[in-house]
Structures are given as structure tokens and as C-alpha cells.
Amino acid sequence: EVTALNNLAWALLEEGRAAAARPFAERALRLAPHEPSVIDTLALALTELGELDRAVELLRRATRAETRGPEVEVHLAQALAKRGEEEEARSILRQLLVDPKALPERDQAAAQALLHDLGG
């Protein structure tokens, strides 16, 4: 059930429907509070909805999980940049891009674009 809820929330996010995704992501998080991919999905919805403090808090938690994917750190950098913490966002992105092959192509492109937008 957690996977289905998280996938539904992710699909809604892909369609640009963060408000619709949020309740599914919240429910998934209640069921799997330590799963980085579930935390990440909710944090993305919150970032899109402008709830940056909670999004950053969740993403920081997700980045500490051993089973996280590198996309979680890209999403943390995005949330930090939106919150105005550009230097920390740049630092995260630079570390990620040291080995671009470590990132999936989509996340690599997002990281490079954000770093460019942040001047660096």
C-alpha cells in the first residue's frame, strides 16, 4: 500500500498537481516514516506548495538514510535554493556533480541547471 500511495503521489507531482499529491504522500509517510523515497515524495510536494521549512527538514532526514538515492540531495538543494540558502545549495550540487555518472541523467540535468541558475 505504501508503494502504491507513494507512486500515486509521484505521478500527481509529475503532472504538476502538488496539492493533490500531498494527502497521498502524507499517508505514505505515516505508513513508512523512515523510507527515503517516501520522505522525498512528500518533501517535493511541500517544496512545490511553498512549505519550505518542513520540506528541508524532511529532506535533511532523508539524506541521512543509508538507502537514499542521490536525487534526494538534488531535491534538498532545490528546496534550499527556494528558501534562499543558495550557498548551501551550491555546495551540495558541486559535491554531487564531481562524479556526474553517479546521478541518473534526469537528476544530473536538474543539478547542472540549478547550479547554473545559482551562479555556479
PDB file of N, CA and C in Angstrom:
ATOM      1  N   GLU A   1       0.819  -1.193   0.000  1.00  0.00           N
ATOM      2  CA  GLU A   1       0.000   0.000   0.000  1.00  0.00           C
ATOM      3  C   GLU A   1       0.868   1.264   0.000  1.00  0.00           C
ATOM      4  N   VAL A   2       1.961   1.226   0.729  1.00  0.00           N
ATOM      5  CA  VAL A   2       2.858   2.379   0.777  1.00  0.00           C
ATOM      6  C   VAL A   2       3.390   2.703  -0.615  1.00  0.00           C
ATOM      7  N   THR A   3       3.821   1.687  -1.323  1.00  0.00           N
ATOM      8  CA  THR A   3       4.364   1.906  -2.664  1.00  0.00           C
ATOM      9  C   THR A   3       3.308   2.493  -3.589  1.00  0.00           C
ATOM     10  N   ALA A   4       2.099   1.984  -3.518  1.00  0.00           N
ATOM     11  CA  ALA A   4       1.023   2.497  -4.368  1.00  0.00           C
ATOM     12  C   ALA A   4       0.718   3.957  -4.032  1.00  0.00           C
ATOM     13  N   LEU A   5       0.643   4.279  -2.755  1.00  0.00           N
ATOM     14  CA  LEU A   5       0.379   5.662  -2.347  1.00  0.00           C
ATOM     15  C   LEU A   5       1.494   6.590  -2.807  1.00  0.00           C
ATOM     16  N   ASN A   6       2.726   6.155  -2.609  1.00  0.00           N
ATOM     17  CA  ASN A   6       3.858   6.977  -2.999  1.00  0.00           C
ATOM     18  C   ASN A   6       3.912   7.166  -4.518  1.00  0.00           C
ATOM     19  N   ASN A   7       3.657   6.085  -5.248  1.00  0.00           N
ATOM     20  CA  ASN A   7       3.662   6.180  -6.716  1.00  0.00           C
ATOM     21  C   ASN A   7       2.551   7.093  -7.222  1.00  0.00           C
ATOM     22  N   LEU A   8       1.392   7.029  -6.591  1.00  0.00           N
ATOM     23  CA  LEU A   8       0.293   7.919  -6.980  1.00  0.00           C
ATOM     24  C   LEU A   8       0.678   9.377  -6.718  1.00  0.00           C
ATOM     25  N   ALA A   9       1.240   9.624  -5.540  1.00  0.00           N
ATOM     26  CA  ALA A   9       1.669  10.984  -5.224  1.00  0.00           C
ATOM     27  C   ALA A   9       2.721  11.459  -6.227  1.00  0.00           C
ATOM     28  N   TRP A  10       3.662  10.580  -6.567  1.00  0.00           N
ATOM     29  CA  TRP A  10       4.715  10.946  -7.525  1.00  0.00           C
ATOM     30  C   TRP A  10       4.116  11.266  -8.892  1.00  0.00           C
ATOM     31  N   ALA A  11       3.165  10.444  -9.337  1.00  0.00           N
ATOM     32  CA  ALA A  11       2.525  10.679 -10.638  1.00  0.00           C
ATOM     33  C   ALA A  11       1.808  12.023 -10.653  1.00  0.00           C
ATOM     34  N   LEU A  12       1.155  12.354  -9.567  1.00  0.00           N
ATOM     35  CA  LEU A  12       0.473  13.650  -9.477  1.00  0.00           C
ATOM     36  C   LEU A  12       1.486  14.796  -9.493  1.00  0.00           C
ATOM     37  N   LEU A  13       2.610  14.602  -8.824  1.00  0.00           N
ATOM     38  CA  LEU A  13       3.667  15.624  -8.869  1.00  0.00           C
ATOM     39  C   LEU A  13       4.190  15.812 -10.291  1.00  0.00           C
ATOM     40  N   GLU A  14       4.347  14.709 -10.997  1.00  0.00           N
ATOM     41  CA  GLU A  14       4.815  14.776 -12.386  1.00  0.00           C
ATOM     42  C   GLU A  14       3.845  15.569 -13.254  1.00  0.00           C
ATOM     43  N   GLU A  15       2.583  15.555 -12.899  1.00  0.00           N
ATOM     44  CA  GLU A  15       1.562  16.310 -13.632  1.00  0.00           C
ATOM     45  C   GLU A  15       1.445  17.748 -13.132  1.00  0.00           C
ATOM     46  N   GLY A  16       2.260  18.115 -12.154  1.00  0.00           N
ATOM     47  CA  GLY A  16       2.203  19.469 -11.609  1.00  0.00           C
ATOM     48  C   GLY A  16       1.070  19.673 -10.621  1.00  0.00           C
ATOM     49  N   ARG A  17       0.626  18.595  -9.997  1.00  0.00           N
ATOM     50  CA  ARG A  17      -0.522  18.668  -9.084  1.00  0.00           C
ATOM     51  C   ARG A  17      -0.081  18.375  -7.644  1.00  0.00           C
ATOM     52  N   ALA A  18       0.747  19.264  -7.117  1.00  0.00           N
ATOM     53  CA  ALA A  18       1.313  19.062  -5.777  1.00  0.00           C
ATOM     54  C   ALA A  18       0.246  19.012  -4.695  1.00  0.00           C
ATOM     55  N   ALA A  19      -0.765  19.857  -4.802  1.00  0.00           N
ATOM     56  CA  ALA A  19      -1.816  19.861  -3.773  1.00  0.00           C
ATOM     57  C   ALA A  19      -2.571  18.532  -3.755  1.00  0.00           C
ATOM     58  N   ALA A  20      -2.799  17.959  -4.913  1.00  0.00           N
ATOM     59  CA  ALA A  20      -3.483  16.663  -4.982  1.00  0.00           C
ATOM     60  C   ALA A  20      -2.568  15.537  -4.509  1.00  0.00           C
ATOM     61  N   ALA A  21      -1.277  15.688  -4.720  1.00  0.00           N
ATOM     62  CA  ALA A  21      -0.307  14.657  -4.324  1.00  0.00           C
ATOM     63  C   ALA A  21      -0.104  14.611  -2.817  1.00  0.00           C
ATOM     64  N   ARG A  22      -0.216  15.741  -2.179  1.00  0.00           N
ATOM     65  CA  ARG A  22       0.135  15.839  -0.756  1.00  0.00           C
ATOM     66  C   ARG A  22      -0.576  14.829   0.139  1.00  0.00           C
ATOM     67  N   PRO A  23      -1.909  14.674   0.086  1.00  0.00           N
ATOM     68  CA  PRO A  23      -2.535  13.727   1.021  1.00  0.00           C
ATOM     69  C   PRO A  23      -2.061  12.282   0.835  1.00  0.00           C
ATOM     70  N   PHE A  24      -1.782  11.895  -0.386  1.00  0.00           N
ATOM     71  CA  PHE A  24      -1.280  10.540  -0.635  1.00  0.00           C
ATOM     72  C   PHE A  24       0.143  10.387  -0.078  1.00  0.00           C
ATOM     73  N   ALA A  25       0.950  11.421  -0.262  1.00  0.00           N
ATOM     74  CA  ALA A  25       2.316  11.398   0.244  1.00  0.00           C
ATOM     75  C   ALA A  25       2.333  11.420   1.773  1.00  0.00           C
ATOM     76  N   GLU A  26       1.449  12.195   2.369  1.00  0.00           N
ATOM     77  CA  GLU A  26       1.358  12.251   3.840  1.00  0.00           C
ATOM     78  C   GLU A  26       0.972  10.874   4.389  1.00  0.00           C
ATOM     79  N   ARG A  27       0.009  10.240   3.746  1.00  0.00           N
ATOM     80  CA  ARG A  27      -0.432   8.921   4.205  1.00  0.00           C
ATOM     81  C   ARG A  27       0.692   7.890   4.055  1.00  0.00           C
ATOM     82  N   ALA A  28       1.398   7.944   2.945  1.00  0.00           N
ATOM     83  CA  ALA A  28       2.526   7.032   2.742  1.00  0.00           C
ATOM     84  C   ALA A  28       3.589   7.246   3.820  1.00  0.00           C
ATOM     85  N   LEU A  29       3.848   8.488   4.179  1.00  0.00           N
ATOM     86  CA  LEU A  29       4.845   8.774   5.199  1.00  0.00           C
ATOM     87  C   LEU A  29       4.412   8.253   6.567  1.00  0.00           C
ATOM     88  N   ARG A  30       3.136   8.348   6.864  1.00  0.00           N
ATOM     89  CA  ARG A  30       2.655   7.791   8.140  1.00  0.00           C
ATOM     90  C   ARG A  30       2.885   6.279   8.201  1.00  0.00           C
ATOM     91  N   LEU A  31       2.772   5.615   7.058  1.00  0.00           N
ATOM     92  CA  LEU A  31       2.948   4.166   6.998  1.00  0.00           C
ATOM     93  C   LEU A  31       4.420   3.746   6.947  1.00  0.00           C
ATOM     94  N   ALA A  32       5.269   4.597   6.381  1.00  0.00           N
ATOM     95  CA  ALA A  32       6.698   4.274   6.236  1.00  0.00           C
ATOM     96  C   ALA A  32       7.529   5.517   6.556  1.00  0.00           C
ATOM     97  N   PRO A  33       7.581   5.906   7.825  1.00  0.00           N
ATOM     98  CA  PRO A  33       8.208   7.179   8.202  1.00  0.00           C
ATOM     99  C   PRO A  33       9.719   7.258   8.010  1.00  0.00           C
ATOM    100  N   HIS A  34      10.367   6.128   7.752  1.00  0.00           N
ATOM    101  CA  HIS A  34      11.824   6.148   7.601  1.00  0.00           C
ATOM    102  C   HIS A  34      12.289   5.830   6.180  1.00  0.00           C
ATOM    103  N   GLU A  35      11.358   5.678   5.266  1.00  0.00           N
ATOM    104  CA  GLU A  35      11.688   5.316   3.887  1.00  0.00           C
ATOM    105  C   GLU A  35      12.065   6.582   3.100  1.00  0.00           C
ATOM    106  N   PRO A  36      13.330   6.689   2.664  1.00  0.00           N
ATOM    107  CA  PRO A  36      13.779   7.912   1.993  1.00  0.00           C
ATOM    108  C   PRO A  36      12.960   8.297   0.763  1.00  0.00           C
ATOM    109  N   SER A  37      12.543   7.334  -0.032  1.00  0.00           N
ATOM    110  CA  SER A  37      11.780   7.687  -1.235  1.00  0.00           C
ATOM    111  C   SER A  37      10.415   8.267  -0.879  1.00  0.00           C
ATOM    112  N   VAL A  38       9.830   7.803   0.207  1.00  0.00           N
ATOM    113  CA  VAL A  38       8.532   8.321   0.664  1.00  0.00           C
ATOM    114  C   VAL A  38       8.716   9.729   1.235  1.00  0.00           C
ATOM    115  N   ILE A  39       9.755   9.897   2.026  1.00  0.00           N
ATOM    116  CA  ILE A  39      10.061  11.220   2.582  1.00  0.00           C
ATOM    117  C   ILE A  39      10.297  12.211   1.443  1.00  0.00           C
ATOM    118  N   ASP A  40      11.043  11.774   0.450  1.00  0.00           N
ATOM    119  CA  ASP A  40      11.382  12.622  -0.692  1.00  0.00           C
ATOM    120  C   ASP A  40      10.131  13.072  -1.450  1.00  0.00           C
ATOM    121  N   THR A  41       9.210  12.153  -1.661  1.00  0.00           N
ATOM    122  CA  THR A  41       7.993  12.497  -2.399  1.00  0.00           C
ATOM    123  C   THR A  41       7.195  13.573  -1.676  1.00  0.00           C
ATOM    124  N   LEU A  42       6.998  13.385  -0.376  1.00  0.00           N
ATOM    125  CA  LEU A  42       6.262  14.407   0.382  1.00  0.00           C
ATOM    126  C   LEU A  42       7.021  15.729   0.358  1.00  0.00           C
ATOM    127  N   ALA A  43       8.334  15.673   0.538  1.00  0.00           N
ATOM    128  CA  ALA A  43       9.122  16.906   0.545  1.00  0.00           C
ATOM    129  C   ALA A  43       9.016  17.649  -0.786  1.00  0.00           C
ATOM    130  N   LEU A  44       8.970  16.917  -1.888  1.00  0.00           N
ATOM    131  CA  LEU A  44       8.800  17.569  -3.196  1.00  0.00           C
ATOM    132  C   LEU A  44       7.453  18.285  -3.279  1.00  0.00           C
ATOM    133  N   ALA A  45       6.413  17.632  -2.795  1.00  0.00           N
ATOM    134  CA  ALA A  45       5.096  18.266  -2.800  1.00  0.00           C
ATOM    135  C   ALA A  45       5.119  19.532  -1.948  1.00  0.00           C
ATOM    136  N   LEU A  46       5.720  19.431  -0.775  1.00  0.00           N
ATOM    137  CA  LEU A  46       5.787  20.594   0.117  1.00  0.00           C
ATOM    138  C   LEU A  46       6.611  21.718  -0.496  1.00  0.00           C
ATOM    139  N   THR A  47       7.687  21.368  -1.182  1.00  0.00           N
ATOM    140  CA  THR A  47       8.501  22.386  -1.850  1.00  0.00           C
ATOM    141  C   THR A  47       7.659  23.126  -2.882  1.00  0.00           C
ATOM    142  N   GLU A  48       6.920  22.374  -3.675  1.00  0.00           N
ATOM    143  CA  GLU A  48       6.063  22.990  -4.693  1.00  0.00           C
ATOM    144  C   GLU A  48       4.969  23.858  -4.067  1.00  0.00           C
ATOM    145  N   LEU A  49       4.520  23.482  -2.886  1.00  0.00           N
ATOM    146  CA  LEU A  49       3.461  24.225  -2.199  1.00  0.00           C
ATOM    147  C   LEU A  49       4.011  25.381  -1.363  1.00  0.00           C
ATOM    148  N   GLY A  50       5.328  25.555  -1.367  1.00  0.00           N
ATOM    149  CA  GLY A  50       5.940  26.663  -0.644  1.00  0.00           C
ATOM    150  C   GLY A  50       6.147  26.409   0.839  1.00  0.00           C
ATOM    151  N   GLU A  51       5.997  25.179   1.291  1.00  0.00           N
ATOM    152  CA  GLU A  51       6.222  24.831   2.694  1.00  0.00           C
ATOM    153  C   GLU A  51       7.670  24.374   2.854  1.00  0.00           C
ATOM    154  N   LEU A  52       8.558  25.336   2.679  1.00  0.00           N
ATOM    155  CA  LEU A  52       9.972  25.041   2.538  1.00  0.00           C
ATOM    156  C   LEU A  52      10.644  24.576   3.824  1.00  0.00           C
ATOM    157  N   ASP A  53      10.233  25.099   4.966  1.00  0.00           N
ATOM    158  CA  ASP A  53      10.863  24.678   6.212  1.00  0.00           C
ATOM    159  C   ASP A  53      10.651  23.189   6.456  1.00  0.00           C
ATOM    160  N   ARG A  54       9.423  22.732   6.320  1.00  0.00           N
ATOM    161  CA  ARG A  54       9.157  21.307   6.537  1.00  0.00           C
ATOM    162  C   ARG A  54       9.825  20.465   5.446  1.00  0.00           C
ATOM    163  N   ALA A  55       9.793  20.949   4.212  1.00  0.00           N
ATOM    164  CA  ALA A  55      10.419  20.213   3.109  1.00  0.00           C
ATOM    165  C   ALA A  55      11.912  20.020   3.374  1.00  0.00           C
ATOM    166  N   VAL A  56      12.603  21.066   3.779  1.00  0.00           N
ATOM    167  CA  VAL A  56      14.040  20.974   4.055  1.00  0.00           C
ATOM    168  C   VAL A  56      14.289  20.028   5.222  1.00  0.00           C
ATOM    169  N   GLU A  57      13.479  20.136   6.267  1.00  0.00           N
ATOM    170  CA  GLU A  57      13.621  19.248   7.424  1.00  0.00           C
ATOM    171  C   GLU A  57      13.494  17.779   6.998  1.00  0.00           C
ATOM    172  N   LEU A  58      12.479  17.481   6.196  1.00  0.00           N
ATOM    173  CA  LEU A  58      12.284  16.108   5.724  1.00  0.00           C
ATOM    174  C   LEU A  58      13.437  15.646   4.835  1.00  0.00           C
ATOM    175  N   LEU A  59      13.867  16.508   3.939  1.00  0.00           N
ATOM    176  CA  LEU A  59      14.946  16.132   3.027  1.00  0.00           C
ATOM    177  C   LEU A  59      16.272  15.930   3.759  1.00  0.00           C
ATOM    178  N   ARG A  60      16.533  16.733   4.773  1.00  0.00           N
ATOM    179  CA  ARG A  60      17.742  16.517   5.575  1.00  0.00           C
ATOM    180  C   ARG A  60      17.675  15.139   6.239  1.00  0.00           C
ATOM    181  N   ARG A  61      16.492  14.787   6.735  1.00  0.00           N
ATOM    182  CA  ARG A  61      16.310  13.465   7.348  1.00  0.00           C
ATOM    183  C   ARG A  61      16.544  12.363   6.316  1.00  0.00           C
ATOM    184  N   ALA A  62      16.006  12.543   5.132  1.00  0.00           N
ATOM    185  CA  ALA A  62      16.152  11.532   4.081  1.00  0.00           C
ATOM    186  C   ALA A  62      17.607  11.377   3.643  1.00  0.00           C
ATOM    187  N   THR A  63      18.365  12.468   3.628  1.00  0.00           N
ATOM    188  CA  THR A  63      19.765  12.379   3.187  1.00  0.00           C
ATOM    189  C   THR A  63      20.621  11.595   4.171  1.00  0.00           C
ATOM    190  N   ARG A  64      20.151  11.444   5.397  1.00  0.00           N
ATOM    191  CA  ARG A  64      20.912  10.670   6.393  1.00  0.00           C
ATOM    192  C   ARG A  64      20.654   9.166   6.281  1.00  0.00           C
ATOM    193  N   ALA A  65      19.670   8.778   5.501  1.00  0.00           N
ATOM    194  CA  ALA A  65      19.337   7.353   5.357  1.00  0.00           C
ATOM    195  C   ALA A  65      20.350   6.666   4.451  1.00  0.00           C
ATOM    196  N   GLU A  66      20.772   5.499   4.828  1.00  0.00           N
ATOM    197  CA  GLU A  66      21.747   4.755   4.034  1.00  0.00           C
ATOM    198  C   GLU A  66      21.195   4.350   2.668  1.00  0.00           C
ATOM    199  N   THR A  67      19.888   4.166   2.581  1.00  0.00           N
ATOM    200  CA  THR A  67      19.283   3.664   1.338  1.00  0.00           C
ATOM    201  C   THR A  67      18.794   4.776   0.422  1.00  0.00           C
ATOM    202  N   ARG A  68      19.182   5.993   0.683  1.00  0.00           N
ATOM    203  CA  ARG A  68      18.711   7.109  -0.155  1.00  0.00           C
ATOM    204  C   ARG A  68      19.367   7.061  -1.523  1.00  0.00           C
ATOM    205  N   GLY A  69      18.675   7.656  -2.482  1.00  0.00           N
ATOM    206  CA  GLY A  69      19.262   7.829  -3.799  1.00  0.00           C
ATOM    207  C   GLY A  69      19.827   9.236  -3.901  1.00  0.00           C
ATOM    208  N   PRO A  70      20.700   9.496  -4.865  1.00  0.00           N
ATOM    209  CA  PRO A  70      21.310  10.820  -4.997  1.00  0.00           C
ATOM    210  C   PRO A  70      20.298  11.912  -5.332  1.00  0.00           C
ATOM    211  N   GLU A  71      19.141  11.514  -5.877  1.00  0.00           N
ATOM    212  CA  GLU A  71      18.124  12.514  -6.209  1.00  0.00           C
ATOM    213  C   GLU A  71      17.621  13.241  -4.964  1.00  0.00           C
ATOM    214  N   VAL A  72      17.692  12.606  -3.807  1.00  0.00           N
ATOM    215  CA  VAL A  72      17.249  13.256  -2.563  1.00  0.00           C
ATOM    216  C   VAL A  72      18.099  14.498  -2.297  1.00  0.00           C
ATOM    217  N   GLU A  73      19.389  14.397  -2.561  1.00  0.00           N
ATOM    218  CA  GLU A  73      20.260  15.544  -2.346  1.00  0.00           C
ATOM    219  C   GLU A  73      20.013  16.648  -3.371  1.00  0.00           C
ATOM    220  N   VAL A  74      19.678  16.269  -4.586  1.00  0.00           N
ATOM    221  CA  VAL A  74      19.307  17.268  -5.594  1.00  0.00           C
ATOM    222  C   VAL A  74      18.052  18.001  -5.121  1.00  0.00           C
ATOM    223  N   HIS A  75      17.095  17.263  -4.622  1.00  0.00           N
ATOM    224  CA  HIS A  75      15.849  17.875  -4.153  1.00  0.00           C
ATOM    225  C   HIS A  75      16.090  18.761  -2.931  1.00  0.00           C
ATOM    226  N   LEU A  76      17.024  18.352  -2.060  1.00  0.00           N
ATOM    227  CA  LEU A  76      17.389  19.205  -0.927  1.00  0.00           C
ATOM    228  C   LEU A  76      17.983  20.513  -1.434  1.00  0.00           C
ATOM    229  N   ALA A  77      18.866  20.440  -2.401  1.00  0.00           N
ATOM    230  CA  ALA A  77      19.459  21.660  -2.955  1.00  0.00           C
ATOM    231  C   ALA A  77      18.390  22.560  -3.564  1.00  0.00           C
ATOM    232  N   GLN A  78      17.414  21.966  -4.239  1.00  0.00           N
ATOM    233  CA  GLN A  78      16.332  22.756  -4.831  1.00  0.00           C
ATOM    234  C   GLN A  78      15.520  23.469  -3.752  1.00  0.00           C
ATOM    235  N   ALA A  79      15.192  22.748  -2.687  1.00  0.00           N
ATOM    236  CA  ALA A  79      14.409  23.354  -1.607  1.00  0.00           C
ATOM    237  C   ALA A  79      15.210  24.445  -0.900  1.00  0.00           C
ATOM    238  N   LEU A  80      16.487  24.184  -0.666  1.00  0.00           N
ATOM    239  CA  LEU A  80      17.327  25.204  -0.032  1.00  0.00           C
ATOM    240  C   LEU A  80      17.421  26.455  -0.899  1.00  0.00           C
ATOM    241  N   ALA A  81      17.580  26.274  -2.197  1.00  0.00           N
ATOM    242  CA  ALA A  81      17.659  27.423  -3.108  1.00  0.00           C
ATOM    243  C   ALA A  81      16.371  28.234  -3.062  1.00  0.00           C
ATOM    244  N   LYS A  82      15.243  27.548  -3.052  1.00  0.00           N
ATOM    245  CA  LYS A  82      13.954  28.264  -2.978  1.00  0.00           C
ATOM    246  C   LYS A  82      13.813  29.005  -1.659  1.00  0.00           C
ATOM    247  N   ARG A  83      14.434  28.467  -0.608  1.00  0.00           N
ATOM    248  CA  ARG A  83      14.367  29.089   0.716  1.00  0.00           C
ATOM    249  C   ARG A  83      15.402  30.199   0.860  1.00  0.00           C
ATOM    250  N   GLY A  84      16.229  30.396  -0.156  1.00  0.00           N
ATOM    251  CA  GLY A  84      17.208  31.477  -0.133  1.00  0.00           C
ATOM    252  C   GLY A  84      18.569  31.082   0.399  1.00  0.00           C
ATOM    253  N   GLU A  85      18.784  29.791   0.636  1.00  0.00           N
ATOM    254  CA  GLU A  85      20.057  29.305   1.153  1.00  0.00           C
ATOM    255  C   GLU A  85      20.916  28.815  -0.018  1.00  0.00           C
ATOM    256  N   GLU A  86      21.276  29.773  -0.860  1.00  0.00           N
ATOM    257  CA  GLU A  86      21.930  29.457  -2.122  1.00  0.00           C
ATOM    258  C   GLU A  86      23.332  28.881  -1.955  1.00  0.00           C
ATOM    259  N   GLU A  87      24.092  29.348  -0.977  1.00  0.00           N
ATOM    260  CA  GLU A  87      25.461  28.838  -0.815  1.00  0.00           C
ATOM    261  C   GLU A  87      25.446  27.366  -0.443  1.00  0.00           C
ATOM    262  N   GLU A  88      24.580  26.979   0.470  1.00  0.00           N
ATOM    263  CA  GLU A  88      24.494  25.561   0.835  1.00  0.00           C
ATOM    264  C   GLU A  88      24.013  24.728  -0.348  1.00  0.00           C
ATOM    265  N   ALA A  89      23.060  25.263  -1.093  1.00  0.00           N
ATOM    266  CA  ALA A  89      22.564  24.555  -2.281  1.00  0.00           C
ATOM    267  C   ALA A  89      23.694  24.354  -3.294  1.00  0.00           C
ATOM    268  N   ARG A  90      24.481  25.401  -3.534  1.00  0.00           N
ATOM    269  CA  ARG A  90      25.612  25.293  -4.465  1.00  0.00           C
ATOM    270  C   ARG A  90      26.614  24.245  -3.987  1.00  0.00           C
ATOM    271  N   SER A  91      26.896  24.242  -2.706  1.00  0.00           N
ATOM    272  CA  SER A  91      27.850  23.283  -2.147  1.00  0.00           C
ATOM    273  C   SER A  91      27.381  21.843  -2.369  1.00  0.00           C
ATOM    274  N   ILE A  92      26.129  21.581  -2.118  1.00  0.00           N
ATOM    275  CA  ILE A  92      25.564  20.242  -2.326  1.00  0.00           C
ATOM    276  C   ILE A  92      25.668  19.853  -3.793  1.00  0.00           C
ATOM    277  N   LEU A  93      25.298  20.772  -4.660  1.00  0.00           N
ATOM    278  CA  LEU A  93      25.310  20.484  -6.099  1.00  0.00           C
ATOM    279  C   LEU A  93      26.725  20.232  -6.614  1.00  0.00           C
ATOM    280  N   ARG A  94      27.665  21.031  -6.147  1.00  0.00           N
ATOM    281  CA  ARG A  94      29.059  20.837  -6.583  1.00  0.00           C
ATOM    282  C   ARG A  94      29.557  19.454  -6.177  1.00  0.00           C
ATOM    283  N   GLN A  95      29.236  19.037  -4.957  1.00  0.00           N
ATOM    284  CA  GLN A  95      29.653  17.708  -4.487  1.00  0.00           C
ATOM    285  C   GLN A  95      29.016  16.610  -5.339  1.00  0.00           C
ATOM    286  N   LEU A  96      27.753  16.778  -5.651  1.00  0.00           N
ATOM    287  CA  LEU A  96      27.055  15.780  -6.462  1.00  0.00           C
ATOM    288  C   LEU A  96      27.625  15.676  -7.865  1.00  0.00           C
ATOM    289  N   LEU A  97      28.027  16.805  -8.408  1.00  0.00           N
ATOM    290  CA  LEU A  97      28.470  16.840  -9.805  1.00  0.00           C
ATOM    291  C   LEU A  97      29.946  16.509  -9.983  1.00  0.00           C
ATOM    292  N   VAL A  98      30.654  16.228  -8.898  1.00  0.00           N
ATOM    293  CA  VAL A  98      32.044  15.784  -9.016  1.00  0.00           C
ATOM    294  C   VAL A  98      32.090  14.515  -9.859  1.00  0.00           C
ATOM    295  N   ASP A  99      31.126  13.633  -9.636  1.00  0.00           N
ATOM    296  CA  ASP A  99      31.020  12.407 -10.422  1.00  0.00           C
ATOM    297  C   ASP A  99      29.619  12.366 -11.034  1.00  0.00           C
ATOM    298  N   PRO A 100      29.429  13.056 -12.168  1.00  0.00           N
ATOM    299  CA  PRO A 100      28.097  13.147 -12.765  1.00  0.00           C
ATOM    300  C   PRO A 100      27.462  11.791 -13.080  1.00  0.00           C
ATOM    301  N   LYS A 101      28.299  10.775 -13.285  1.00  0.00           N
ATOM    302  CA  LYS A 101      27.751   9.457 -13.608  1.00  0.00           C
ATOM    303  C   LYS A 101      27.060   8.820 -12.407  1.00  0.00           C
ATOM    304  N   ALA A 102      27.299   9.371 -11.224  1.00  0.00           N
ATOM    305  CA  ALA A 102      26.661   8.853 -10.027  1.00  0.00           C
ATOM    306  C   ALA A 102      25.185   9.267  -9.956  1.00  0.00           C
ATOM    307  N   LEU A 103      24.829  10.231 -10.773  1.00  0.00           N
ATOM    308  CA  LEU A 103      23.449  10.717 -10.814  1.00  0.00           C
ATOM    309  C   LEU A 103      22.728  10.184 -12.041  1.00  0.00           C
ATOM    310  N   PRO A 104      21.463   9.811 -11.885  1.00  0.00           N
ATOM    311  CA  PRO A 104      20.679   9.488 -13.086  1.00  0.00           C
ATOM    312  C   PRO A 104      20.642  10.720 -14.004  1.00  0.00           C
ATOM    313  N   GLU A 105      20.501  10.491 -15.292  1.00  0.00           N
ATOM    314  CA  GLU A 105      20.565  11.569 -16.282  1.00  0.00           C
ATOM    315  C   GLU A 105      19.619  12.728 -15.950  1.00  0.00           C
ATOM    316  N   ARG A 106      18.392  12.401 -15.581  1.00  0.00           N
ATOM    317  CA  ARG A 106      17.410  13.452 -15.278  1.00  0.00           C
ATOM    318  C   ARG A 106      17.862  14.311 -14.099  1.00  0.00           C
ATOM    319  N   ASP A 107      18.378  13.660 -13.053  1.00  0.00           N
ATOM    320  CA  ASP A 107      18.821  14.391 -11.874  1.00  0.00           C
ATOM    321  C   ASP A 107      20.102  15.161 -12.153  1.00  0.00           C
ATOM    322  N   GLN A 108      20.957  14.611 -12.990  1.00  0.00           N
ATOM    323  CA  GLN A 108      22.175  15.304 -13.378  1.00  0.00           C
ATOM    324  C   GLN A 108      21.824  16.606 -14.093  1.00  0.00           C
ATOM    325  N   ALA A 109      20.887  16.537 -15.011  1.00  0.00           N
ATOM    326  CA  ALA A 109      20.467  17.738 -15.747  1.00  0.00           C
ATOM    327  C   ALA A 109      19.859  18.771 -14.800  1.00  0.00           C
ATOM    328  N   ALA A 110      19.043  18.311 -13.864  1.00  0.00           N
ATOM    329  CA  ALA A 110      18.419  19.229 -12.901  1.00  0.00           C
ATOM    330  C   ALA A 110      19.479  19.877 -12.015  1.00  0.00           C
ATOM    331  N   ALA A 111      20.451  19.086 -11.565  1.00  0.00           N
ATOM    332  CA  ALA A 111      21.524  19.614 -10.714  1.00  0.00           C
ATOM    333  C   ALA A 111      22.360  20.640 -11.468  1.00  0.00           C
ATOM    334  N   GLN A 112      22.725  20.327 -12.703  1.00  0.00           N
ATOM    335  CA  GLN A 112      23.527  21.265 -13.503  1.00  0.00           C
ATOM    336  C   GLN A 112      22.757  22.556 -13.776  1.00  0.00           C
ATOM    337  N   ALA A 113      21.485  22.435 -14.091  1.00  0.00           N
ATOM    338  CA  ALA A 113      20.671  23.616 -14.374  1.00  0.00           C
ATOM    339  C   ALA A 113      20.536  24.497 -13.138  1.00  0.00           C
ATOM    340  N   LEU A 114      20.285  23.883 -11.980  1.00  0.00           N
ATOM    341  CA  LEU A 114      20.152  24.661 -10.759  1.00  0.00           C
ATOM    342  C   LEU A 114      21.476  25.327 -10.391  1.00  0.00           C
ATOM    343  N   LEU A 115      22.558  24.597 -10.504  1.00  0.00           N
ATOM    344  CA  LEU A 115      23.872  25.181 -10.192  1.00  0.00           C
ATOM    345  C   LEU A 115      24.145  26.374 -11.111  1.00  0.00           C
ATOM    346  N   HIS A 116      23.806  26.227 -12.370  1.00  0.00           N
ATOM    347  CA  HIS A 116      23.968  27.341 -13.320  1.00  0.00           C
ATOM    348  C   HIS A 116      23.105  28.526 -12.895  1.00  0.00           C
ATOM    349  N   ASP A 117      21.850  28.268 -12.540  1.00  0.00           N
ATOM    350  CA  ASP A 117      20.940  29.333 -12.118  1.00  0.00           C
ATOM    351  C   ASP A 117      21.444  30.046 -10.858  1.00  0.00           C
ATOM    352  N   LEU A 118      22.152  29.287 -10.016  1.00  0.00           N
ATOM    353  CA  LEU A 118      22.669  29.852  -8.776  1.00  0.00           C
ATOM    354  C   LEU A 118      24.037  30.508  -8.971  1.00  0.00           C
ATOM    355  N   GLY A 119      24.483  30.559 -10.197  1.00  0.00           N
ATOM    356  CA  GLY A 119      25.739  31.238 -10.498  1.00  0.00           C
ATOM    357  C   GLY A 119      26.970  30.422 -10.183  1.00  0.00           C
ATOM    358  N   GLY A 120      26.800  29.129 -10.238  1.00  0.00           N
ATOM    359  CA  GLY A 120      27.919  28.422 -10.052  1.00  0.00           C
ATOM    360  C   GLY A 120      28.538  27.290  -9.684  1.00  0.00           C
TER     361      GLY A 120
END
